[in-house]
Amino acid sequence: MTMDLAQPPTLEDLTERLWQAVRRGDEQAAAATVRRALDEGADPEVVLLDVIASVQGRVGREWAANRISVAQEHSATAINDRAVALVALHPSAHTEPARGRITVACVDGEWHGLPARLLAEVLRLRGWRVDYLGAQVPTHHLVAHIHRTGPDAVALSGSIATRLPTAHATITACQATGTPVLVGGAAFGADGRFARLLGADAWAPDARTAADDLARRPLPRPQPDHQPMDDLPHLIDQEYTLVTRSRPRLVQAVFGALEDAYPAMRDYDELQRERTAEDLSHIVEFLATALYTDDDDLFGGFLVWTADVLAARGVPAKSLLPALELLGRELKDFPRAAGILRSGSARLTRTLLTAAGTPR
């Protein structure tokens, strides 16, 4: 008679197994991996945050590096979302609500719902009653839900920085009901600087920290006479509003100027033209967001990230520089926008020189 000396998989092994399953698009293997881990006694919160969330982070990095396609990224995200549901339904994850009520939602226009879903399930595990409203929640629907349910706090998730102006309006609307707002996600900055700028009552860098903070003490109720929308005096110059309204015209003007400067663009097929216009639109969107937040680094960081994504797809990252110069010409009468463009171009140039091995 021999003893079975097999050990349960390590966290690293479990994460790798789930990654291989989602990479193949094998939902059954992913579900079996998660279910077996839970059946063998794995902590549901650990599975959520240290396995599923870790794999989802890798999905994003692999897409950015062009090692998986958009379709694979969507498939992997969908499988991970179903894995979260499997954890939530497992008997080991059942917890009776004993704390209070939290509404978890994504900013309107934010389609990355998995981070908010993970937070919602962690809070349930910690004994909260949670209303998870999902991705792209219109602000007026969120406010109506608050009036109907009276939560102790709203947890607002945002991954895309261009949704920060909408997030600001949402934070203000929630606070006007007397409900405190905790925010999280990449959109609010790695250090939470945009959470503070936009007047959120609290910020957390991840779901575990958010749950810990909410358990430690209740968030204070906002003062009814405080209006965070008045806290950004730099918006008085109207540059954000004017650039936002002018985005279609700016994209068209820069696209036409690029065709004049680089006649080969006129031979682009429909897909190439569409992607170029999308890239230009994203540049203007991030410029507008940098104007809203008065933060040059936000725009510069976007440019460096975009350069990496383009390079991974075989597109010379330096192709961004002419577009920035032409956009600067269109916005020559907008001093803050012109300054952000110059700063972003300089940062991108330094990054490209460093990547090429040229001393700065």
Protein backbone atom coordinates (compact mmCIF):
# COMPACT_ATOMS: atom_id res chain seq x y z
CA MET A 1 0.00 0.00 0.00
CA THR A 2 1.42 3.39 -0.98
CA MET A 3 0.53 6.77 0.40
CA ASP A 4 -0.58 9.59 -1.86
CA LEU A 5 2.02 12.27 -1.23
CA ALA A 6 0.60 14.67 -3.80
CA GLN A 7 0.51 18.18 -2.47
CA PRO A 8 -2.18 20.75 -3.34
CA PRO A 9 -1.02 23.15 -6.05
CA THR A 10 0.83 26.27 -5.01
CA LEU A 11 -0.66 29.67 -5.69
CA GLU A 12 1.78 30.06 -8.59
CA ASP A 13 0.75 26.69 -10.05
CA LEU A 14 -2.93 27.53 -9.71
CA THR A 15 -2.46 30.89 -11.39
CA GLU A 16 -0.51 29.33 -14.25
CA ARG A 17 -3.18 26.66 -14.78
CA LEU A 18 -5.91 29.26 -14.97
CA TRP A 19 -3.80 31.41 -17.32
CA GLN A 20 -3.25 28.49 -19.69
CA ALA A 21 -6.97 27.71 -19.68
CA VAL A 22 -8.12 31.26 -20.41
CA ARG A 23 -5.40 31.69 -23.02
CA ARG A 24 -6.76 28.65 -24.86
CA GLY A 25 -10.32 29.89 -24.41
CA ASP A 26 -11.08 26.69 -22.47
CA GLU A 27 -13.88 27.67 -20.11
CA GLN A 28 -14.38 24.14 -18.79
CA ALA A 29 -10.72 23.81 -17.81
CA ALA A 30 -10.80 27.25 -16.16
CA ALA A 31 -13.92 26.35 -14.20
CA ALA A 32 -12.47 22.99 -13.16
CA THR A 33 -9.28 24.70 -11.96
CA VAL A 34 -11.15 27.18 -9.79
CA ARG A 35 -13.70 24.66 -8.51
CA ARG A 36 -11.04 22.15 -7.52
CA ALA A 37 -9.04 24.80 -5.67
CA LEU A 38 -12.12 25.82 -3.68
CA ASP A 39 -13.12 22.21 -3.01
CA GLU A 40 -9.62 21.58 -1.65
CA GLY A 41 -9.92 24.46 0.79
CA ALA A 42 -8.46 27.46 -1.02
CA ASP A 43 -9.58 30.76 0.47
CA PRO A 44 -12.23 32.30 -1.86
CA GLU A 45 -10.76 35.79 -1.46
CA VAL A 46 -7.30 34.51 -2.38
CA VAL A 47 -8.73 32.81 -5.47
CA LEU A 48 -10.48 36.03 -6.48
CA LEU A 49 -7.61 38.45 -5.94
CA ASP A 50 -4.41 36.44 -6.18
CA VAL A 51 -5.45 34.06 -8.94
CA ILE A 52 -8.27 35.42 -11.11
CA ALA A 53 -7.28 39.10 -10.82
CA SER A 54 -3.64 38.18 -11.39
CA VAL A 55 -4.53 36.28 -14.55
CA GLN A 56 -6.68 39.17 -15.78
CA GLY A 57 -3.76 41.54 -15.30
CA ARG A 58 -1.64 39.23 -17.44
CA VAL A 59 -4.36 39.22 -20.10
CA GLY A 60 -4.07 43.00 -20.37
CA ARG A 61 -0.28 42.91 -20.56
CA GLU A 62 -0.29 40.19 -23.20
CA TRP A 63 -2.76 42.17 -25.33
CA ALA A 64 -0.64 45.33 -25.06
CA ALA A 65 2.42 43.34 -26.13
CA ASN A 66 0.48 41.95 -29.12
CA ARG A 67 0.91 38.37 -27.94
CA ILE A 68 -2.85 37.77 -27.88
CA SER A 69 -5.55 39.19 -30.14
CA VAL A 70 -8.46 41.40 -29.21
CA ALA A 71 -10.75 38.38 -29.60
CA GLN A 72 -8.57 36.33 -27.24
CA GLU A 73 -8.55 39.20 -24.74
CA HIS A 74 -12.35 39.38 -24.80
CA SER A 75 -12.68 35.60 -24.48
CA ALA A 76 -10.24 35.49 -21.56
CA THR A 77 -12.04 38.31 -19.79
CA ALA A 78 -15.40 36.60 -20.23
CA ILE A 79 -14.02 33.33 -18.84
CA ASN A 80 -12.50 35.14 -15.86
CA ASP A 81 -15.82 36.85 -15.22
CA ARG A 82 -17.54 33.47 -15.14
CA ALA A 83 -14.81 32.17 -12.83
CA VAL A 84 -15.67 34.99 -10.42
CA ALA A 85 -19.31 33.88 -10.53
CA LEU A 86 -18.26 30.32 -9.78
CA VAL A 87 -16.38 31.51 -6.68
CA ALA A 88 -19.38 33.58 -5.57
CA LEU A 89 -21.68 30.55 -5.79
CA HIS A 90 -19.36 28.10 -4.04
CA PRO A 91 -20.52 27.04 -0.53
CA SER A 92 -17.21 28.18 0.97
CA ALA A 93 -17.95 31.74 -0.16
CA HIS A 94 -21.32 32.00 1.58
CA THR A 95 -21.35 34.75 4.22
CA GLU A 96 -24.36 36.24 5.95
CA PRO A 97 -24.49 40.06 5.62
CA ALA A 98 -23.61 41.58 8.98
CA ARG A 99 -22.01 44.94 8.27
CA GLY A 100 -23.97 47.34 6.10
CA ARG A 101 -24.79 48.07 2.47
CA ILE A 102 -22.40 49.12 -0.32
CA THR A 103 -23.24 49.99 -3.91
CA VAL A 104 -20.50 49.00 -6.38
CA ALA A 105 -20.60 50.46 -9.88
CA CYS A 106 -18.45 51.54 -12.80
CA VAL A 107 -18.30 55.09 -14.10
CA ASP A 108 -20.60 55.73 -17.06
CA GLY A 109 -18.65 54.86 -20.21
CA GLU A 110 -16.37 52.45 -18.34
CA TRP A 111 -16.70 48.98 -19.84
CA HIS A 112 -14.02 47.24 -17.74
CA GLY A 113 -16.39 45.73 -15.22
CA LEU A 114 -14.24 42.92 -13.81
CA PRO A 115 -12.33 45.03 -11.23
CA ALA A 116 -15.62 46.27 -9.77
CA ARG A 117 -17.04 42.73 -9.83
CA LEU A 118 -14.03 41.47 -7.88
CA LEU A 119 -14.49 44.19 -5.28
CA ALA A 120 -18.18 43.39 -4.97
CA GLU A 121 -17.47 39.72 -4.27
CA VAL A 122 -14.70 40.50 -1.77
CA LEU A 123 -17.05 42.82 0.11
CA ARG A 124 -19.70 40.10 0.20
CA LEU A 125 -17.13 37.71 1.63
CA ARG A 126 -16.35 40.32 4.28
CA GLY A 127 -20.01 40.45 5.36
CA TRP A 128 -21.39 43.45 3.45
CA ARG A 129 -24.68 43.53 1.62
CA VAL A 130 -23.60 44.53 -1.89
CA ASP A 131 -25.52 45.94 -4.83
CA TYR A 132 -23.31 45.37 -7.86
CA LEU A 133 -24.58 47.49 -10.76
CA GLY A 134 -21.97 46.52 -13.35
CA ALA A 135 -20.21 48.43 -16.12
CA GLN A 136 -21.22 51.73 -17.72
CA VAL A 137 -23.73 52.89 -15.13
CA PRO A 138 -25.41 56.20 -16.08
CA THR A 139 -25.10 58.66 -13.24
CA HIS A 140 -28.81 59.39 -12.96
CA HIS A 141 -29.58 55.68 -12.61
CA LEU A 142 -26.92 55.36 -9.92
CA VAL A 143 -28.38 58.30 -8.01
CA ALA A 144 -31.89 56.85 -8.30
CA HIS A 145 -30.59 53.58 -6.88
CA ILE A 146 -28.96 55.43 -3.97
CA HIS A 147 -32.23 57.19 -3.14
CA ARG A 148 -34.08 53.88 -3.23
CA THR A 149 -31.63 51.76 -1.20
CA GLY A 150 -29.74 54.21 1.05
CA PRO A 151 -26.28 52.55 1.00
CA ASP A 152 -23.57 53.34 3.53
CA ALA A 153 -21.19 54.15 0.66
CA VAL A 154 -20.72 53.96 -3.09
CA ALA A 155 -17.62 52.24 -4.48
CA LEU A 156 -16.93 53.65 -7.93
CA SER A 157 -14.53 51.93 -10.35
CA GLY A 158 -12.74 53.47 -13.32
CA SER A 159 -9.96 52.08 -15.51
CA ILE A 160 -9.99 54.60 -18.36
CA ALA A 161 -8.60 58.03 -17.56
CA THR A 162 -10.72 59.74 -20.21
CA ARG A 163 -13.76 59.01 -18.03
CA LEU A 164 -12.42 61.17 -15.18
CA PRO A 165 -14.64 64.18 -16.01
CA THR A 166 -17.67 61.88 -15.89
CA ALA A 167 -16.35 60.35 -12.67
CA HIS A 168 -16.14 63.86 -11.18
CA ALA A 169 -19.78 64.53 -11.97
CA THR A 170 -20.76 61.13 -10.59
CA ILE A 171 -18.84 61.64 -7.34
CA THR A 172 -20.51 65.02 -6.89
CA ALA A 173 -23.99 63.63 -7.61
CA CYS A 174 -23.57 60.78 -5.14
CA GLN A 175 -22.25 63.11 -2.45
CA ALA A 176 -25.21 65.41 -2.98
CA THR A 177 -27.38 62.56 -1.66
CA GLY A 178 -25.27 62.49 1.50
CA THR A 179 -23.52 59.27 0.44
CA PRO A 180 -19.72 58.99 0.68
CA VAL A 181 -17.80 57.74 -2.36
CA LEU A 182 -14.78 55.47 -2.41
CA VAL A 183 -13.03 55.24 -5.78
CA GLY A 184 -10.47 52.90 -7.27
CA GLY A 185 -9.01 51.72 -10.53
CA ALA A 186 -6.21 52.76 -12.86
CA ALA A 187 -8.05 55.91 -13.99
CA PHE A 188 -7.54 57.54 -10.60
CA GLY A 189 -3.76 57.22 -10.72
CA ALA A 190 -1.38 54.76 -9.09
CA ASP A 191 -1.15 57.09 -6.09
CA GLY A 192 -4.80 58.16 -6.07
CA ARG A 193 -4.01 61.74 -7.03
CA PHE A 194 -7.06 62.08 -9.25
CA ALA A 195 -9.31 60.71 -6.52
CA ARG A 196 -8.14 63.56 -4.29
CA LEU A 197 -8.40 66.11 -7.09
CA LEU A 198 -12.00 65.16 -7.86
CA GLY A 199 -13.09 65.22 -4.24
CA ALA A 200 -13.71 61.53 -3.56
CA ASP A 201 -14.14 60.69 0.11
CA ALA A 202 -11.66 57.80 -0.09
CA TRP A 203 -9.40 55.96 -2.52
CA ALA A 204 -7.97 52.46 -2.47
CA PRO A 205 -5.31 51.00 -4.77
CA ASP A 206 -6.92 47.55 -4.86
CA ALA A 207 -9.94 45.55 -3.72
CA ARG A 208 -8.30 44.07 -0.65
CA THR A 209 -7.25 47.50 0.62
CA ALA A 210 -10.71 48.90 -0.10
CA ALA A 211 -12.35 46.11 1.92
CA ASP A 212 -9.86 46.59 4.76
CA ASP A 213 -10.47 50.35 4.86
CA LEU A 214 -14.26 49.98 4.85
CA ALA A 215 -14.06 47.44 7.66
CA ARG A 216 -11.78 49.67 9.73
CA ARG A 217 -14.10 52.65 9.90
CA PRO A 218 -17.21 54.01 8.18
CA LEU A 219 -16.68 56.72 5.62
CA PRO A 220 -17.86 60.12 6.90
CA ARG A 221 -20.99 61.50 5.31
CA PRO A 222 -20.26 64.38 2.89
CA GLN A 223 -21.14 67.91 3.93
CA PRO A 224 -24.24 69.00 2.01
CA ASP A 225 -22.83 72.46 1.28
CA HIS A 226 -19.64 71.14 -0.37
CA GLN A 227 -19.62 71.18 -4.16
CA PRO A 228 -16.49 69.44 -5.50
CA MET A 229 -17.23 70.63 -9.04
CA ASP A 230 -16.09 74.09 -7.90
CA ASP A 231 -12.66 72.81 -6.85
CA LEU A 232 -10.94 73.00 -10.26
CA PRO A 233 -10.29 76.71 -10.85
CA HIS A 234 -8.11 76.00 -13.90
CA LEU A 235 -11.26 75.07 -15.85
CA ILE A 236 -12.24 78.72 -15.96
CA ASP A 237 -10.21 79.13 -19.17
CA GLN A 238 -12.70 76.84 -21.00
CA GLU A 239 -9.91 75.03 -22.86
CA TYR A 240 -11.22 71.63 -21.78
CA THR A 241 -14.71 72.39 -23.03
CA LEU A 242 -13.54 73.86 -26.32
CA VAL A 243 -11.12 71.03 -27.10
CA THR A 244 -13.74 68.42 -26.21
CA ARG A 245 -16.35 70.01 -28.46
CA SER A 246 -13.82 70.40 -31.28
CA ARG A 247 -12.60 66.78 -31.26
CA PRO A 248 -14.20 65.68 -34.56
CA ARG A 249 -12.90 68.80 -36.33
CA LEU A 250 -9.43 68.42 -34.82
CA VAL A 251 -9.20 64.78 -35.88
CA GLN A 252 -10.29 65.64 -39.41
CA ALA A 253 -7.86 68.56 -39.66
CA VAL A 254 -4.86 66.60 -38.38
CA PHE A 255 -5.71 63.59 -40.55
CA GLY A 256 -5.84 65.82 -43.64
CA ALA A 257 -2.58 67.55 -42.74
CA LEU A 258 -0.89 64.17 -42.25
CA GLU A 259 -2.05 63.09 -45.71
CA ASP A 260 -0.57 66.26 -47.18
CA ALA A 261 2.72 65.72 -45.36
CA TYR A 262 2.85 61.97 -46.06
CA PRO A 263 1.13 61.26 -49.41
CA ALA A 264 1.52 57.49 -48.91
CA MET A 265 -1.34 57.76 -46.41
CA ARG A 266 -3.70 58.36 -49.30
CA ASP A 267 -3.18 54.72 -50.26
CA TYR A 268 -4.32 53.46 -46.87
CA ASP A 269 -7.14 50.95 -47.01
CA GLU A 270 -10.36 51.56 -45.09
CA LEU A 271 -9.20 49.70 -41.98
CA GLN A 272 -5.90 51.63 -41.84
CA ARG A 273 -7.72 54.93 -42.19
CA GLU A 274 -10.18 53.97 -39.49
CA ARG A 275 -7.42 52.97 -37.07
CA THR A 276 -5.47 56.15 -37.74
CA ALA A 277 -8.55 58.26 -37.05
CA GLU A 278 -9.18 56.30 -33.84
CA ASP A 279 -5.60 56.91 -32.68
CA LEU A 280 -5.97 60.64 -33.35
CA SER A 281 -9.29 60.71 -31.52
CA HIS A 282 -7.71 59.03 -28.50
CA ILE A 283 -4.90 61.58 -28.50
CA VAL A 284 -7.41 64.44 -28.41
CA GLU A 285 -9.46 62.68 -25.70
CA PHE A 286 -6.43 62.25 -23.45
CA LEU A 287 -5.34 65.82 -24.13
CA ALA A 288 -8.79 67.01 -23.03
CA THR A 289 -8.58 64.89 -19.89
CA ALA A 290 -5.15 66.33 -19.10
CA LEU A 291 -6.69 69.78 -19.45
CA TYR A 292 -9.49 68.79 -17.09
CA THR A 293 -7.10 67.50 -14.46
CA ASP A 294 -4.35 70.05 -15.23
CA ASP A 295 -1.87 67.19 -15.29
CA ASP A 296 0.81 66.99 -17.99
CA ASP A 297 1.96 63.57 -16.78
CA LEU A 298 -1.40 62.01 -17.60
CA PHE A 299 -0.99 62.88 -21.27
CA GLY A 300 2.71 62.01 -21.37
CA GLY A 301 2.04 58.63 -19.77
CA PHE A 302 -0.64 57.90 -22.34
CA LEU A 303 1.77 58.72 -25.18
CA VAL A 304 4.48 56.42 -23.82
CA TRP A 305 1.95 53.60 -23.35
CA THR A 306 0.59 54.15 -26.88
CA ALA A 307 4.12 54.11 -28.29
CA ASP A 308 4.73 50.72 -26.67
CA VAL A 309 1.46 49.33 -28.05
CA LEU A 310 2.24 50.62 -31.55
CA ALA A 311 5.78 49.26 -31.47
CA ALA A 312 4.48 45.83 -30.46
CA ARG A 313 2.32 45.91 -33.59
CA GLY A 314 5.14 46.91 -35.90
CA VAL A 315 4.12 50.57 -36.18
CA PRO A 316 6.99 53.03 -35.62
CA ALA A 317 6.26 54.86 -32.38
CA LYS A 318 7.92 57.98 -33.76
CA SER A 319 4.91 58.32 -36.08
CA LEU A 320 3.11 59.91 -33.14
CA LEU A 321 5.36 62.97 -33.17
CA PRO A 322 4.14 64.53 -36.46
CA ALA A 323 0.54 64.12 -35.30
CA LEU A 324 1.34 65.92 -32.04
CA GLU A 325 3.05 68.74 -33.92
CA LEU A 326 0.11 69.19 -36.29
CA LEU A 327 -2.36 69.11 -33.39
CA GLY A 328 -0.27 71.77 -31.68
CA ARG A 329 -0.65 74.00 -34.73
CA GLU A 330 -4.41 73.60 -34.59
CA LEU A 331 -4.38 74.55 -30.89
CA LYS A 332 -1.81 77.34 -31.02
CA ASP A 333 -4.28 79.75 -29.40
CA PHE A 334 -4.80 77.43 -26.41
CA PRO A 335 -1.81 77.98 -24.11
CA ARG A 336 -2.46 75.13 -21.67
CA ALA A 337 -3.19 72.63 -24.44
CA ALA A 338 -0.10 73.72 -26.37
CA GLY A 339 2.01 73.36 -23.23
CA ILE A 340 0.70 69.85 -22.54
CA LEU A 341 1.43 68.86 -26.14
CA ARG A 342 4.99 70.19 -25.93
CA SER A 343 5.57 68.40 -22.64
CA GLY A 344 4.15 65.16 -24.01
CA SER A 345 6.21 65.36 -27.20
CA ALA A 346 9.37 65.97 -25.20
CA ARG A 347 8.68 63.01 -22.92
CA LEU A 348 7.92 60.74 -25.86
CA THR A 349 11.09 61.85 -27.65
CA ARG A 350 13.21 61.12 -24.56
CA THR A 351 11.60 57.70 -24.24
CA LEU A 352 12.25 56.85 -27.88
CA LEU A 353 15.87 57.99 -27.66
CA THR A 354 16.41 55.94 -24.52
CA ALA A 355 14.83 52.88 -26.15
CA ALA A 356 17.14 53.33 -29.14
CA GLY A 357 20.15 53.48 -26.83
CA THR A 358 20.86 57.15 -27.49
CA PRO A 359 21.91 59.19 -24.43
CA ARG A 360 19.40 61.85 -23.42
